[in-house]
C-alpha atoms as a PDB file:
ATOM      1  CA  MET A   1     113.398 110.893  93.243  1.00  0.00           C
ATOM      2  CA  LYS A   2     114.231 110.191  96.924  1.00  0.00           C
ATOM      3  CA  GLY A   3     112.362 112.668  99.035  1.00  0.00           C
ATOM      4  CA  HIS A   4     109.634 114.112  96.853  1.00  0.00           C
ATOM      5  CA  MET A   5     106.653 112.452  98.790  1.00  0.00           C
ATOM      6  CA  ALA A   6     108.205 113.695 101.845  1.00  0.00           C
ATOM      7  CA  GLY A   7     108.945 116.979 100.928  1.00  0.00           C
ATOM      8  CA  GLY A   8     105.438 117.353  99.358  1.00  0.00           C
ATOM      9  CA  MET A   9     103.978 116.634 102.466  1.00  0.00           C
ATOM     10  CA  ARG A  10     106.040 119.195 104.458  1.00  0.00           C
ATOM     11  CA  ARG A  11     105.256 122.009 101.879  1.00  0.00           C
ATOM     12  CA  SER A  12     101.416 120.995 101.967  1.00  0.00           C
ATOM     13  CA  ALA A  13     101.477 121.414 106.105  1.00  0.00           C
ATOM     14  CA  THR A  14     103.111 124.881 105.696  1.00  0.00           C
ATOM     15  CA  ARG A  15     100.775 125.763 102.977  1.00  0.00           C
ATOM     16  CA  LYS A  16      97.795 124.693 104.845  1.00  0.00           C
ATOM     17  CA  GLY A  17      98.848 126.598 108.018  1.00  0.00           C
ATOM     18  CA  LEU A  18      99.162 123.259 110.194  1.00  0.00           C
ATOM     19  CA  SER A  19      99.283 123.592 113.684  1.00  0.00           C
ATOM     20  CA  ASP A  20     102.410 122.465 115.698  1.00  0.00           C
ATOM     21  CA  LYS A  21     100.549 119.376 116.724  1.00  0.00           C
ATOM     22  CA  GLU A  22      98.833 118.781 113.416  1.00  0.00           C
ATOM     23  CA  ARG A  23     102.500 119.064 111.865  1.00  0.00           C
ATOM     24  CA  GLN A  24     104.287 117.011 113.851  1.00  0.00           C
ATOM     25  CA  LEU A  25     102.254 113.972 112.286  1.00  0.00           C
ATOM     26  CA  VAL A  26     102.926 115.251 109.053  1.00  0.00           C
ATOM     27  CA  ASP A  27     107.028 115.241 109.835  1.00  0.00           C
ATOM     28  CA  LYS A  28     106.599 112.085 111.513  1.00  0.00           C
ATOM     29  CA  CYS A  29     105.257 110.472 108.494  1.00  0.00           C
ATOM     30  CA  ALA A  30     107.747 112.346 106.304  1.00  0.00           C
ATOM     31  CA  THR A  31     110.409 111.482 108.376  1.00  0.00           C
ATOM     32  CA  TYR A  32     109.438 107.679 108.084  1.00  0.00           C
ATOM     33  CA  LEU A  33     109.286 107.890 104.471  1.00  0.00           C
ATOM     34  CA  LEU A  34     112.550 109.582 104.191  1.00  0.00           C
ATOM     35  CA  ASN A  35     114.195 106.672 106.870  1.00  0.00           C
ATOM     36  CA  ASN A  36     112.220 103.638 104.794  1.00  0.00           C
ATOM     37  CA  SER A  37     112.961 104.881 101.423  1.00  0.00           C
ATOM     38  CA  PRO A  38     115.548 101.879 100.501  1.00  0.00           C
ATOM     39  CA  TYR A  39     112.379  99.547 101.218  1.00  0.00           C
ATOM     40  CA  LEU A  40     109.682 101.632  99.782  1.00  0.00           C
ATOM     41  CA  ARG A  41     110.619 100.700  95.775  1.00  0.00           C
ATOM     42  CA  TYR A  42     106.946  99.149  94.913  1.00  0.00           C
ATOM     43  CA  ASP A  43     107.877 100.284  91.248  1.00  0.00           C
ATOM     44  CA  ARG A  44     111.201  98.039  91.118  1.00  0.00           C
ATOM     45  CA  TYR A  45     108.807  95.581  93.288  1.00  0.00           C
ATOM     46  CA  LEU A  46     106.269  95.219  90.559  1.00  0.00           C
ATOM     47  CA  ALA A  47     108.569  95.086  87.500  1.00  0.00           C
ATOM     48  CA  GLU A  48     110.171  92.004  89.022  1.00  0.00           C
ATOM     49  CA  GLY A  49     106.783  90.334  89.663  1.00  0.00           C
ATOM     50  CA  VAL A  50     106.556  90.886  93.343  1.00  0.00           C
ATOM     51  CA  PRO A  51     102.868  91.043  94.462  1.00  0.00           C
ATOM     52  CA  ILE A  52     102.025  94.180  96.202  1.00  0.00           C
ATOM     53  CA  GLY A  53      98.999  93.507  98.225  1.00  0.00           C
ATOM     54  CA  THR A  54      97.170  97.197  98.502  1.00  0.00           C
ATOM     55  CA  GLY A  55      93.869  95.789  98.707  1.00  0.00           C
ATOM     56  CA  VAL A  56      94.572  93.584 101.323  1.00  0.00           C
ATOM     57  CA  ILE A  57      96.479  96.708 103.314  1.00  0.00           C
ATOM     58  CA  GLU A  58      93.437  99.018 102.991  1.00  0.00           C
ATOM     59  CA  GLY A  59      91.004  96.278 104.181  1.00  0.00           C
ATOM     60  CA  ALA A  60      92.993  95.657 107.272  1.00  0.00           C
ATOM     61  CA  CYS A  61      93.217  99.501 107.743  1.00  0.00           C
ATOM     62  CA  ARG A  62      89.414  99.893 107.558  1.00  0.00           C
ATOM     63  CA  HIS A  63      89.037  97.137 110.019  1.00  0.00           C
ATOM     64  CA  ILE A  64      91.359  98.663 112.450  1.00  0.00           C
ATOM     65  CA  VAL A  65      89.713 102.069 112.156  1.00  0.00           C
ATOM     66  CA  LYS A  66      86.069 100.297 112.520  1.00  0.00           C
ATOM     67  CA  CYS A  67      87.351  98.127 115.615  1.00  0.00           C
ATOM     68  CA  ASN A  68      88.808 101.370 117.092  1.00  0.00           C
ATOM     69  CA  SER A  69      85.794 103.129 116.738  1.00  0.00           C
ATOM     70  CA  ALA A  70      83.667 100.721 117.607  1.00  0.00           C
ATOM     71  CA  THR A  71      85.535  99.822 121.140  1.00  0.00           C
ATOM     72  CA  PRO A  72      87.567 103.378 122.049  1.00  0.00           C
ATOM     73  CA  LYS A  73      88.958 101.495 125.071  1.00  0.00           C
ATOM     74  CA  ILE A  74      91.582  99.646 122.928  1.00  0.00           C
ATOM     75  CA  LEU A  75      94.837 100.763 123.326  1.00  0.00           C
ATOM     76  CA  TYR A  76      97.318 100.623 119.889  1.00  0.00           C
ATOM     77  CA  GLY A  77     100.855 100.818 119.692  1.00  0.00           C
ATOM     78  CA  PRO A  78     102.942 103.693 118.298  1.00  0.00           C
ATOM     79  CA  ALA A  79     103.432 101.660 115.057  1.00  0.00           C
ATOM     80  CA  ASP A  80      99.779 101.148 114.680  1.00  0.00           C
ATOM     81  CA  GLU A  81      99.251 104.853 115.214  1.00  0.00           C
ATOM     82  CA  ALA A  82     101.742 105.793 112.744  1.00  0.00           C
ATOM     83  CA  GLY A  83     100.595 103.494 110.190  1.00  0.00           C
ATOM     84  CA  LEU A  84      96.804 104.847 110.297  1.00  0.00           C
ATOM     85  CA  ASN A  85      98.219 108.599 110.270  1.00  0.00           C
ATOM     86  CA  LEU A  86      99.966 107.743 107.015  1.00  0.00           C
ATOM     87  CA  PHE A  87      97.010 105.663 105.723  1.00  0.00           C
ATOM     88  CA  SER A  88      94.823 108.610 106.609  1.00  0.00           C
ATOM     89  CA  PHE A  89      97.059 111.359 105.025  1.00  0.00           C
ATOM     90  CA  ILE A  90      97.551 109.377 101.832  1.00  0.00           C
ATOM     91  CA  TYR A  91      94.012 108.784 101.200  1.00  0.00           C
END
């Protein structure tokens, strides 16, 4: 199943005819998913009883987005930007 999400993201970007700049963001997120796929086994983690706190993550993302829109002078690092790009692509 490795690569299905990344492949789907790239196919969707191609079908939508995204610009090169927009496509770069999709490719960056897809590459992240492929490179980190060994660590993204939420099905296995849940089966083992490991708590997955998606509600906490969504709340944190909403907080970051709200802060960013309220105070545009705040600078975030590349990891924050990649996380927001991925979050916005999924939701």
